[in-house]
Amino acid sequence: MNNLASTHRDAGRLKDAEALGVEVVEKRKRVLGDDHPDTLKSMLSLAATYRALDRLNDADALETVVEEHRKHREGRVQH
């Protein structure tokens, strides 16, 4: 599903990409958790779609969340 969302984005079908991207992120959060690498990858893909839609604030906010989760994961690994 994440790949299809990216394909939609690349083809200029941005609303389809956004809808699918949101669905992927929601499902991955529910199944894998908020800080799973696949969830974070999907969040970054959705942020790219937001950028393509010129929703820069949404993209920046999502990228910030991803960065915070990555720092949190790295902190756990170091302990």
Protein backbone atom coordinates (compact mmCIF):
# COMPACT_ATOMS: atom_id res chain seq x y z
CA MET A 1 0.00 0.00 0.00
CA ASN A 2 2.84 2.38 0.79
CA ASN A 3 4.41 1.70 -2.61
CA LEU A 4 1.09 2.31 -4.34
CA ALA A 5 0.73 5.63 -2.50
CA SER A 6 4.20 6.61 -3.75
CA THR A 7 3.25 5.56 -7.27
CA HIS A 8 0.14 7.73 -7.07
CA ARG A 9 2.28 10.66 -5.89
CA ASP A 10 4.77 10.16 -8.70
CA ALA A 11 1.92 10.05 -11.23
CA GLY A 12 0.49 13.30 -9.90
CA ARG A 13 -2.54 11.65 -8.29
CA LEU A 14 -1.88 13.51 -5.07
CA LYS A 15 -5.28 13.20 -3.40
CA ASP A 16 -5.23 9.42 -3.97
CA ALA A 17 -1.67 9.31 -2.62
CA GLU A 18 -2.67 11.28 0.45
CA ALA A 19 -5.70 9.12 1.23
CA LEU A 20 -3.74 5.91 0.87
CA GLY A 21 -0.75 7.31 2.76
CA VAL A 22 -2.91 8.29 5.72
CA GLU A 23 -4.45 4.82 5.75
CA VAL A 24 -1.04 3.14 5.67
CA VAL A 25 0.29 5.27 8.54
CA GLU A 26 -2.79 4.59 10.66
CA LYS A 27 -2.61 0.83 10.08
CA ARG A 28 1.12 0.61 10.68
CA LYS A 29 0.81 2.58 13.91
CA ARG A 30 -1.93 0.24 15.09
CA VAL A 31 -0.15 -2.98 14.11
CA LEU A 32 3.56 -2.13 14.44
CA GLY A 33 3.61 0.83 16.81
CA ASP A 34 4.48 4.48 16.48
CA ASP A 35 8.26 4.11 16.39
CA HIS A 36 8.64 1.03 14.19
CA PRO A 37 10.96 1.71 11.22
CA ASP A 38 8.26 0.77 8.70
CA THR A 39 5.81 3.15 10.36
CA LEU A 40 8.37 5.94 10.26
CA LYS A 41 9.12 5.24 6.61
CA SER A 42 5.41 5.52 5.80
CA MET A 43 5.20 8.77 7.72
CA LEU A 44 8.07 10.21 5.68
CA SER A 45 6.36 9.09 2.49
CA LEU A 46 3.18 10.85 3.58
CA ALA A 47 5.23 13.96 4.39
CA ALA A 48 6.57 13.88 0.80
CA THR A 49 2.99 13.77 -0.44
CA TYR A 50 2.12 16.74 1.77
CA ARG A 51 5.06 18.63 0.25
CA ALA A 52 3.83 17.81 -3.24
CA LEU A 53 0.42 19.17 -2.20
CA ASP A 54 2.19 22.34 -0.98
CA ARG A 55 1.12 21.54 2.59
CA LEU A 56 4.50 22.45 3.98
CA ASN A 57 3.43 22.91 7.59
CA ASP A 58 1.90 19.42 7.63
CA ALA A 59 5.02 17.96 6.03
CA ASP A 60 7.33 19.71 8.49
CA ALA A 61 5.22 18.60 11.46
CA LEU A 62 5.22 14.98 10.34
CA GLU A 63 8.97 15.00 9.67
CA THR A 64 9.53 16.43 13.16
CA VAL A 65 7.48 13.61 14.69
CA VAL A 66 9.54 11.05 12.75
CA GLU A 67 12.79 12.62 13.94
CA GLU A 68 11.59 12.56 17.57
CA HIS A 69 10.66 8.89 17.29
CA ARG A 70 14.03 8.05 15.75
CA LYS A 71 15.87 9.85 18.54
CA HIS A 72 13.75 7.99 21.08
CA ARG A 73 14.57 4.63 19.44
CA GLU A 74 18.27 5.45 19.34
CA GLY A 75 18.17 6.43 23.00
CA ARG A 76 16.69 3.07 23.94
CA VAL A 77 19.30 1.21 21.94
CA GLN A 78 22.17 3.03 23.63
CA HIS A 79 21.08 2.11 27.18
